[in-house]
Amino acid sequence: MKKLFAEFIGTFWLVTGGCGSAVLAATFPGVGIGLLGVSLAFGLTVLTMVYALGHISGAHFNPAVSVGLWIGGRFDKKDVLPYIIAQLLGATLAAAFLYVVVTGKPGGEIGGFAANGFGDHSPGGYGLVAALVTEVVMTFIFLIIILGATDDRAPKGFAGLAIGLALTLIHLISIPVTNTSVNPARSTSQALFVGDWAIGQLWLFWVAPIAGAILAGIAYKVFTTTSEPTK
């Protein structure tokens, strides 16, 4: 239960910090933080919570991460579903919190609410194939970095920095394409409040991150397989 509560809190913070910066601060008159600020905010949420809660739950905060670590042989299969449920609950509570804040002023409307999308709902107008490929590749690289940075053979104490900076870079690349998911819990939480098109397109933001995570888990197993010495 401690692990699940840590995943709940960590995912709550990820959505609050990342999506909150997008809906509250990205375009604030005079001091809007823009794409760079939102990207950094997402990275900082993970970086801070890796150091705060990583020693308790492993700091997944993302269903794709839990699946990728399981496929990579670094996480117990029986814990995957409980982790995903805790992550979804934390993300949804964060979205509810943001909804209350955003609508807490006269005329306050949620608009796109930092939801993920493609086609007409892509920030840059990118289509289905571009969105699918982007999410698969970005999640694949994210999981390779997580698996490598947390490997017993990696330098100790730097995993949080590597993972947080990786998520920042991923957002810098892919916000124009899909508004960046690489995290089904983050996508689901916002889609629940936007409804309509966001729910209709949500399937991609489960399928693509999970596929990328599975591929990364398989690839990392190949990297770490001990070869027989040449005779």
C-alpha atoms as a PDB file:
ATOM      1  CA  MET A   1       0.000   0.000   0.000  1.00  0.00           C
ATOM      2  CA  LYS A   2       2.895   2.373   0.652  1.00  0.00           C
ATOM      3  CA  LYS A   3       4.134   1.770  -2.880  1.00  0.00           C
ATOM      4  CA  LEU A   4       0.700   2.362  -4.376  1.00  0.00           C
ATOM      5  CA  PHE A   5       0.207   5.542  -2.363  1.00  0.00           C
ATOM      6  CA  ALA A   6       3.607   6.762  -3.540  1.00  0.00           C
ATOM      7  CA  GLU A   7       2.568   6.110  -7.149  1.00  0.00           C
ATOM      8  CA  PHE A   8      -0.695   7.943  -6.531  1.00  0.00           C
ATOM      9  CA  ILE A   9       1.064  11.013  -5.090  1.00  0.00           C
ATOM     10  CA  GLY A  10       3.816  11.006  -7.718  1.00  0.00           C
ATOM     11  CA  THR A  11       1.376  10.828 -10.625  1.00  0.00           C
ATOM     12  CA  PHE A  12      -0.778  13.499  -9.018  1.00  0.00           C
ATOM     13  CA  TRP A  13       2.263  15.786  -8.933  1.00  0.00           C
ATOM     14  CA  LEU A  14       3.241  14.976 -12.520  1.00  0.00           C
ATOM     15  CA  VAL A  15      -0.175  15.975 -13.868  1.00  0.00           C
ATOM     16  CA  THR A  16      -0.506  18.945 -11.526  1.00  0.00           C
ATOM     17  CA  GLY A  17       2.900  20.345 -12.416  1.00  0.00           C
ATOM     18  CA  GLY A  18       3.005  19.472 -16.089  1.00  0.00           C
ATOM     19  CA  CYS A  19      -0.590  19.980 -17.203  1.00  0.00           C
ATOM     20  CA  GLY A  20      -1.057  22.736 -14.647  1.00  0.00           C
ATOM     21  CA  SER A  21       1.772  24.740 -16.157  1.00  0.00           C
ATOM     22  CA  ALA A  22       0.228  24.234 -19.597  1.00  0.00           C
ATOM     23  CA  VAL A  23      -3.287  25.378 -18.713  1.00  0.00           C
ATOM     24  CA  LEU A  24      -2.395  28.095 -16.179  1.00  0.00           C
ATOM     25  CA  ALA A  25       1.010  29.527 -17.071  1.00  0.00           C
ATOM     26  CA  ALA A  26       1.854  28.733 -20.688  1.00  0.00           C
ATOM     27  CA  THR A  27       0.000  31.703 -22.145  1.00  0.00           C
ATOM     28  CA  PHE A  28      -0.400  33.932 -19.093  1.00  0.00           C
ATOM     29  CA  PRO A  29      -0.276  37.562 -20.333  1.00  0.00           C
ATOM     30  CA  GLY A  30       3.171  39.081 -20.087  1.00  0.00           C
ATOM     31  CA  VAL A  31       4.916  36.138 -18.432  1.00  0.00           C
ATOM     32  CA  GLY A  32       3.700  33.084 -20.359  1.00  0.00           C
ATOM     33  CA  ILE A  33       6.211  30.261 -20.052  1.00  0.00           C
ATOM     34  CA  GLY A  34       5.500  28.758 -23.476  1.00  0.00           C
ATOM     35  CA  LEU A  35       6.666  25.400 -24.834  1.00  0.00           C
ATOM     36  CA  LEU A  36      10.036  25.564 -23.091  1.00  0.00           C
ATOM     37  CA  GLY A  37       8.503  26.252 -19.706  1.00  0.00           C
ATOM     38  CA  VAL A  38       5.899  23.505 -19.992  1.00  0.00           C
ATOM     39  CA  SER A  39       8.556  21.022 -21.107  1.00  0.00           C
ATOM     40  CA  LEU A  40      10.717  21.942 -18.142  1.00  0.00           C
ATOM     41  CA  ALA A  41       7.751  21.678 -15.784  1.00  0.00           C
ATOM     42  CA  PHE A  42       7.034  18.092 -16.829  1.00  0.00           C
ATOM     43  CA  GLY A  43      10.702  17.203 -16.391  1.00  0.00           C
ATOM     44  CA  LEU A  44      10.848  18.831 -12.967  1.00  0.00           C
ATOM     45  CA  THR A  45       7.827  16.930 -11.691  1.00  0.00           C
ATOM     46  CA  VAL A  46       9.496  13.614 -12.440  1.00  0.00           C
ATOM     47  CA  LEU A  47      12.935  14.724 -11.275  1.00  0.00           C
ATOM     48  CA  THR A  48      11.623  15.893  -7.901  1.00  0.00           C
ATOM     49  CA  MET A  49       9.452  12.844  -7.286  1.00  0.00           C
ATOM     50  CA  VAL A  50      12.142  10.358  -8.322  1.00  0.00           C
ATOM     51  CA  TYR A  51      14.244  11.649  -5.439  1.00  0.00           C
ATOM     52  CA  ALA A  52      11.280  12.033  -3.092  1.00  0.00           C
ATOM     53  CA  LEU A  53       9.517   8.696  -3.666  1.00  0.00           C
ATOM     54  CA  GLY A  54      11.729   6.581  -5.907  1.00  0.00           C
ATOM     55  CA  HIS A  55      13.084   4.648  -2.934  1.00  0.00           C
ATOM     56  CA  ILE A  56       9.526   3.685  -1.991  1.00  0.00           C
ATOM     57  CA  SER A  57       7.811   2.690  -5.240  1.00  0.00           C
ATOM     58  CA  GLY A  58      10.466   2.984  -7.926  1.00  0.00           C
ATOM     59  CA  ALA A  59       8.849   6.219  -9.181  1.00  0.00           C
ATOM     60  CA  HIS A  60       7.005   4.940 -12.239  1.00  0.00           C
ATOM     61  CA  PHE A  61       4.103   7.465 -12.290  1.00  0.00           C
ATOM     62  CA  ASN A  62       3.186   6.144 -15.731  1.00  0.00           C
ATOM     63  CA  PRO A  63       1.486   2.911 -16.901  1.00  0.00           C
ATOM     64  CA  ALA A  64       3.892   2.650 -19.843  1.00  0.00           C
ATOM     65  CA  VAL A  65       6.861   2.757 -17.460  1.00  0.00           C
ATOM     66  CA  SER A  66       5.382  -0.020 -15.316  1.00  0.00           C
ATOM     67  CA  VAL A  67       4.775  -2.187 -18.398  1.00  0.00           C
ATOM     68  CA  GLY A  68       8.225  -1.458 -19.844  1.00  0.00           C
ATOM     69  CA  LEU A  69       9.978  -2.310 -16.586  1.00  0.00           C
ATOM     70  CA  TRP A  70       8.020  -5.555 -16.360  1.00  0.00           C
ATOM     71  CA  ILE A  71       8.922  -6.549 -19.929  1.00  0.00           C
ATOM     72  CA  GLY A  72      12.526  -5.591 -19.204  1.00  0.00           C
ATOM     73  CA  GLY A  73      12.585  -7.967 -16.242  1.00  0.00           C
ATOM     74  CA  ARG A  74      12.794  -5.232 -13.642  1.00  0.00           C
ATOM     75  CA  PHE A  75       9.275  -5.293 -12.200  1.00  0.00           C
ATOM     76  CA  ASP A  76       6.955  -8.028 -10.914  1.00  0.00           C
ATOM     77  CA  LYS A  77       4.016  -8.815 -13.207  1.00  0.00           C
ATOM     78  CA  LYS A  78       1.577  -9.023 -10.277  1.00  0.00           C
ATOM     79  CA  ASP A  79       2.233  -5.382  -9.387  1.00  0.00           C
ATOM     80  CA  VAL A  80       1.615  -3.940 -12.857  1.00  0.00           C
ATOM     81  CA  LEU A  81      -2.182  -3.591 -12.637  1.00  0.00           C
ATOM     82  CA  PRO A  82      -2.249  -2.187  -9.054  1.00  0.00           C
ATOM     83  CA  TYR A  83       0.386   0.377 -10.062  1.00  0.00           C
ATOM     84  CA  ILE A  84      -1.613   1.411 -13.134  1.00  0.00           C
ATOM     85  CA  ILE A  85      -4.790   1.832 -11.073  1.00  0.00           C
ATOM     86  CA  ALA A  86      -2.955   3.996  -8.520  1.00  0.00           C
ATOM     87  CA  GLN A  87      -1.447   6.095 -11.315  1.00  0.00           C
ATOM     88  CA  LEU A  88      -4.825   6.625 -12.985  1.00  0.00           C
ATOM     89  CA  LEU A  89      -6.412   7.664  -9.697  1.00  0.00           C
ATOM     90  CA  GLY A  90      -3.613  10.128  -8.917  1.00  0.00           C
ATOM     91  CA  ALA A  91      -3.725  11.622 -12.401  1.00  0.00           C
ATOM     92  CA  THR A  92      -7.522  11.971 -12.318  1.00  0.00           C
ATOM     93  CA  LEU A  93      -7.483  13.694  -8.939  1.00  0.00           C
ATOM     94  CA  ALA A  94      -4.881  16.126 -10.281  1.00  0.00           C
ATOM     95  CA  ALA A  95      -7.054  16.866 -13.321  1.00  0.00           C
ATOM     96  CA  ALA A  96     -10.033  17.454 -11.023  1.00  0.00           C
ATOM     97  CA  PHE A  97      -7.932  19.839  -8.946  1.00  0.00           C
ATOM     98  CA  LEU A  98      -6.893  21.734 -12.078  1.00  0.00           C
ATOM     99  CA  TYR A  99     -10.499  21.832 -13.288  1.00  0.00           C
ATOM    100  CA  VAL A 100     -11.601  23.502 -10.051  1.00  0.00           C
ATOM    101  CA  VAL A 101      -8.792  26.068 -10.329  1.00  0.00           C
ATOM    102  CA  VAL A 102      -9.223  26.827 -14.041  1.00  0.00           C
ATOM    103  CA  THR A 103     -12.977  27.325 -13.719  1.00  0.00           C
ATOM    104  CA  GLY A 104     -12.585  29.289 -10.485  1.00  0.00           C
ATOM    105  CA  LYS A 105     -12.762  32.715 -12.097  1.00  0.00           C
ATOM    106  CA  PRO A 106     -15.522  34.478 -14.037  1.00  0.00           C
ATOM    107  CA  GLY A 107     -15.675  33.112 -17.557  1.00  0.00           C
ATOM    108  CA  GLY A 108     -13.089  30.425 -16.805  1.00  0.00           C
ATOM    109  CA  GLU A 109     -13.235  27.625 -19.382  1.00  0.00           C
ATOM    110  CA  ILE A 110     -11.031  24.572 -19.673  1.00  0.00           C
ATOM    111  CA  GLY A 111     -10.661  24.656 -23.461  1.00  0.00           C
ATOM    112  CA  GLY A 112      -8.329  21.899 -24.577  1.00  0.00           C
ATOM    113  CA  PHE A 113      -7.159  21.396 -20.970  1.00  0.00           C
ATOM    114  CA  ALA A 114      -3.707  20.183 -22.119  1.00  0.00           C
ATOM    115  CA  ALA A 115      -5.304  17.079 -23.641  1.00  0.00           C
ATOM    116  CA  ASN A 116      -3.425  15.027 -26.221  1.00  0.00           C
ATOM    117  CA  GLY A 117      -4.595  14.819 -29.812  1.00  0.00           C
ATOM    118  CA  PHE A 118      -3.819  14.463 -33.487  1.00  0.00           C
ATOM    119  CA  GLY A 119      -5.237  15.936 -36.697  1.00  0.00           C
ATOM    120  CA  ASP A 120      -7.316  18.995 -35.876  1.00  0.00           C
ATOM    121  CA  HIS A 121      -6.371  18.588 -32.219  1.00  0.00           C
ATOM    122  CA  SER A 122      -2.614  18.421 -32.719  1.00  0.00           C
ATOM    123  CA  PRO A 123      -0.952  21.732 -31.754  1.00  0.00           C
ATOM    124  CA  GLY A 124       0.906  21.674 -35.073  1.00  0.00           C
ATOM    125  CA  GLY A 125      -1.780  19.973 -37.141  1.00  0.00           C
ATOM    126  CA  TYR A 126       0.026  16.616 -37.387  1.00  0.00           C
ATOM    127  CA  GLY A 127      -1.967  13.574 -38.493  1.00  0.00           C
ATOM    128  CA  LEU A 128      -2.578  10.124 -37.069  1.00  0.00           C
ATOM    129  CA  VAL A 129       0.548   8.413 -38.438  1.00  0.00           C
ATOM    130  CA  ALA A 130       2.871  11.196 -37.283  1.00  0.00           C
ATOM    131  CA  ALA A 131       1.292  11.129 -33.826  1.00  0.00           C
ATOM    132  CA  LEU A 132       1.482   7.342 -33.558  1.00  0.00           C
ATOM    133  CA  VAL A 133       5.120   7.151 -34.627  1.00  0.00           C
ATOM    134  CA  THR A 134       6.109  10.061 -32.390  1.00  0.00           C
ATOM    135  CA  GLU A 135       4.519   8.565 -29.277  1.00  0.00           C
ATOM    136  CA  VAL A 136       6.000   5.108 -29.901  1.00  0.00           C
ATOM    137  CA  VAL A 137       9.529   6.446 -30.485  1.00  0.00           C
ATOM    138  CA  MET A 138       9.467   8.970 -27.628  1.00  0.00           C
ATOM    139  CA  THR A 139       8.227   6.351 -25.157  1.00  0.00           C
ATOM    140  CA  PHE A 140      10.762   3.825 -26.433  1.00  0.00           C
ATOM    141  CA  ILE A 141      13.631   6.238 -25.798  1.00  0.00           C
ATOM    142  CA  PHE A 142      12.188   7.277 -22.434  1.00  0.00           C
ATOM    143  CA  LEU A 143      12.109   3.656 -21.253  1.00  0.00           C
ATOM    144  CA  ILE A 144      15.617   2.967 -22.549  1.00  0.00           C
ATOM    145  CA  ILE A 145      16.842   5.914 -20.480  1.00  0.00           C
ATOM    146  CA  ILE A 146      14.907   4.777 -17.397  1.00  0.00           C
ATOM    147  CA  LEU A 147      16.134   1.190 -17.677  1.00  0.00           C
ATOM    148  CA  GLY A 148      19.706   2.317 -18.247  1.00  0.00           C
ATOM    149  CA  ALA A 149      19.838   5.061 -15.619  1.00  0.00           C
ATOM    150  CA  THR A 150      18.434   2.756 -12.928  1.00  0.00           C
ATOM    151  CA  ASP A 151      20.617  -0.228 -13.835  1.00  0.00           C
ATOM    152  CA  ASP A 152      22.818  -1.496 -10.999  1.00  0.00           C
ATOM    153  CA  ARG A 153      25.851  -0.769 -13.172  1.00  0.00           C
ATOM    154  CA  ALA A 154      24.919   2.882 -13.806  1.00  0.00           C
ATOM    155  CA  PRO A 155      26.442   5.732 -11.752  1.00  0.00           C
ATOM    156  CA  LYS A 156      24.554   6.017  -8.481  1.00  0.00           C
ATOM    157  CA  GLY A 157      22.457   9.035  -7.576  1.00  0.00           C
ATOM    158  CA  PHE A 158      21.977  10.463 -11.072  1.00  0.00           C
ATOM    159  CA  ALA A 159      18.942   8.538 -12.313  1.00  0.00           C
ATOM    160  CA  GLY A 160      16.518  11.300 -11.351  1.00  0.00           C
ATOM    161  CA  LEU A 161      18.461  13.880 -13.325  1.00  0.00           C
ATOM    162  CA  ALA A 162      18.683  11.680 -16.414  1.00  0.00           C
ATOM    163  CA  ILE A 163      14.995  10.773 -16.328  1.00  0.00           C
ATOM    164  CA  GLY A 164      13.760  14.295 -15.608  1.00  0.00           C
ATOM    165  CA  LEU A 165      15.913  15.855 -18.328  1.00  0.00           C
ATOM    166  CA  ALA A 166      14.859  13.127 -20.763  1.00  0.00           C
ATOM    167  CA  LEU A 167      11.192  13.941 -20.177  1.00  0.00           C
ATOM    168  CA  THR A 168      11.934  17.632 -20.705  1.00  0.00           C
ATOM    169  CA  LEU A 169      13.615  16.888 -24.036  1.00  0.00           C
ATOM    170  CA  ILE A 170      10.794  14.583 -25.098  1.00  0.00           C
ATOM    171  CA  HIS A 171       8.296  17.396 -24.531  1.00  0.00           C
ATOM    172  CA  LEU A 172      10.436  19.870 -26.453  1.00  0.00           C
ATOM    173  CA  ILE A 173      10.332  17.502 -29.419  1.00  0.00           C
ATOM    174  CA  SER A 174       6.764  16.279 -29.349  1.00  0.00           C
ATOM    175  CA  ILE A 175       4.496  18.975 -27.877  1.00  0.00           C
ATOM    176  CA  PRO A 176       3.939  20.368 -31.406  1.00  0.00           C
ATOM    177  CA  VAL A 177       2.880  16.921 -32.625  1.00  0.00           C
ATOM    178  CA  THR A 178       0.593  15.484 -29.919  1.00  0.00           C
ATOM    179  CA  ASN A 179       0.917  17.838 -26.947  1.00  0.00           C
ATOM    180  CA  THR A 180       3.094  14.964 -25.637  1.00  0.00           C
ATOM    181  CA  SER A 181       1.678  11.997 -23.843  1.00  0.00           C
ATOM    182  CA  VAL A 182       4.171   9.104 -23.400  1.00  0.00           C
ATOM    183  CA  ASN A 183       1.970   8.487 -20.363  1.00  0.00           C
ATOM    184  CA  PRO A 184      -1.532   6.956 -20.627  1.00  0.00           C
ATOM    185  CA  ALA A 185      -2.501   8.090 -17.123  1.00  0.00           C
ATOM    186  CA  ARG A 186      -1.702  11.724 -17.930  1.00  0.00           C
ATOM    187  CA  SER A 187      -3.681  11.474 -21.190  1.00  0.00           C
ATOM    188  CA  THR A 188      -6.677   9.763 -19.615  1.00  0.00           C
ATOM    189  CA  SER A 189      -7.015  12.253 -16.779  1.00  0.00           C
ATOM    190  CA  GLN A 190      -7.261  15.260 -19.082  1.00  0.00           C
ATOM    191  CA  ALA A 191      -9.477  13.486 -21.631  1.00  0.00           C
ATOM    192  CA  LEU A 192     -12.047  12.669 -18.947  1.00  0.00           C
ATOM    193  CA  PHE A 193     -12.657  16.389 -18.410  1.00  0.00           C
ATOM    194  CA  VAL A 194     -12.473  17.461 -22.056  1.00  0.00           C
ATOM    195  CA  GLY A 195     -14.647  14.573 -23.274  1.00  0.00           C
ATOM    196  CA  ASP A 196     -15.765  14.476 -26.905  1.00  0.00           C
ATOM    197  CA  TRP A 197     -12.744  14.359 -29.254  1.00  0.00           C
ATOM    198  CA  ALA A 198     -10.250  13.749 -26.438  1.00  0.00           C
ATOM    199  CA  ILE A 199     -12.022  10.537 -25.446  1.00  0.00           C
ATOM    200  CA  GLY A 200     -12.327   9.552 -29.100  1.00  0.00           C
ATOM    201  CA  GLN A 201      -8.582   9.886 -29.671  1.00  0.00           C
ATOM    202  CA  LEU A 202      -7.488   8.495 -26.292  1.00  0.00           C
ATOM    203  CA  TRP A 203      -6.883   4.996 -27.704  1.00  0.00           C
ATOM    204  CA  LEU A 204      -3.733   6.207 -29.466  1.00  0.00           C
ATOM    205  CA  PHE A 205      -2.284   7.526 -26.222  1.00  0.00           C
ATOM    206  CA  TRP A 206      -2.616   4.098 -24.655  1.00  0.00           C
ATOM    207  CA  VAL A 207      -1.576   1.964 -27.613  1.00  0.00           C
ATOM    208  CA  ALA A 208       1.474   3.962 -28.715  1.00  0.00           C
ATOM    209  CA  PRO A 209       3.141   4.487 -25.298  1.00  0.00           C
ATOM    210  CA  ILE A 210       2.541   0.861 -24.277  1.00  0.00           C
ATOM    211  CA  ALA A 211       3.948  -0.376 -27.602  1.00  0.00           C
ATOM    212  CA  GLY A 212       7.014   1.834 -27.242  1.00  0.00           C
ATOM    213  CA  ALA A 213       7.536   0.637 -23.677  1.00  0.00           C
ATOM    214  CA  ILE A 214       7.277  -3.042 -24.662  1.00  0.00           C
ATOM    215  CA  LEU A 215       9.805  -2.559 -27.459  1.00  0.00           C
ATOM    216  CA  ALA A 216      12.174  -0.814 -25.061  1.00  0.00           C
ATOM    217  CA  GLY A 217      11.880  -3.604 -22.503  1.00  0.00           C
ATOM    218  CA  ILE A 218      12.725  -6.170 -25.164  1.00  0.00           C
ATOM    219  CA  ALA A 219      15.607  -4.083 -26.508  1.00  0.00           C
ATOM    220  CA  TYR A 220      17.127  -3.549 -23.078  1.00  0.00           C
ATOM    221  CA  LYS A 221      17.040  -7.277 -22.412  1.00  0.00           C
ATOM    222  CA  VAL A 222      19.124  -7.696 -25.567  1.00  0.00           C
ATOM    223  CA  PHE A 223      21.616  -5.094 -24.311  1.00  0.00           C
ATOM    224  CA  THR A 224      22.020  -6.838 -20.983  1.00  0.00           C
ATOM    225  CA  THR A 225      22.169 -10.432 -22.207  1.00  0.00           C
ATOM    226  CA  THR A 226      25.527 -11.953 -21.315  1.00  0.00           C
ATOM    227  CA  SER A 227      27.243 -13.403 -24.340  1.00  0.00           C
ATOM    228  CA  GLU A 228      29.271 -16.563 -24.187  1.00  0.00           C
ATOM    229  CA  PRO A 229      33.006 -15.778 -24.274  1.00  0.00           C
ATOM    230  CA  THR A 230      34.648 -16.393 -27.645  1.00  0.00           C
ATOM    231  CA  LYS A 231      36.891 -19.406 -27.638  1.00  0.00           C
END
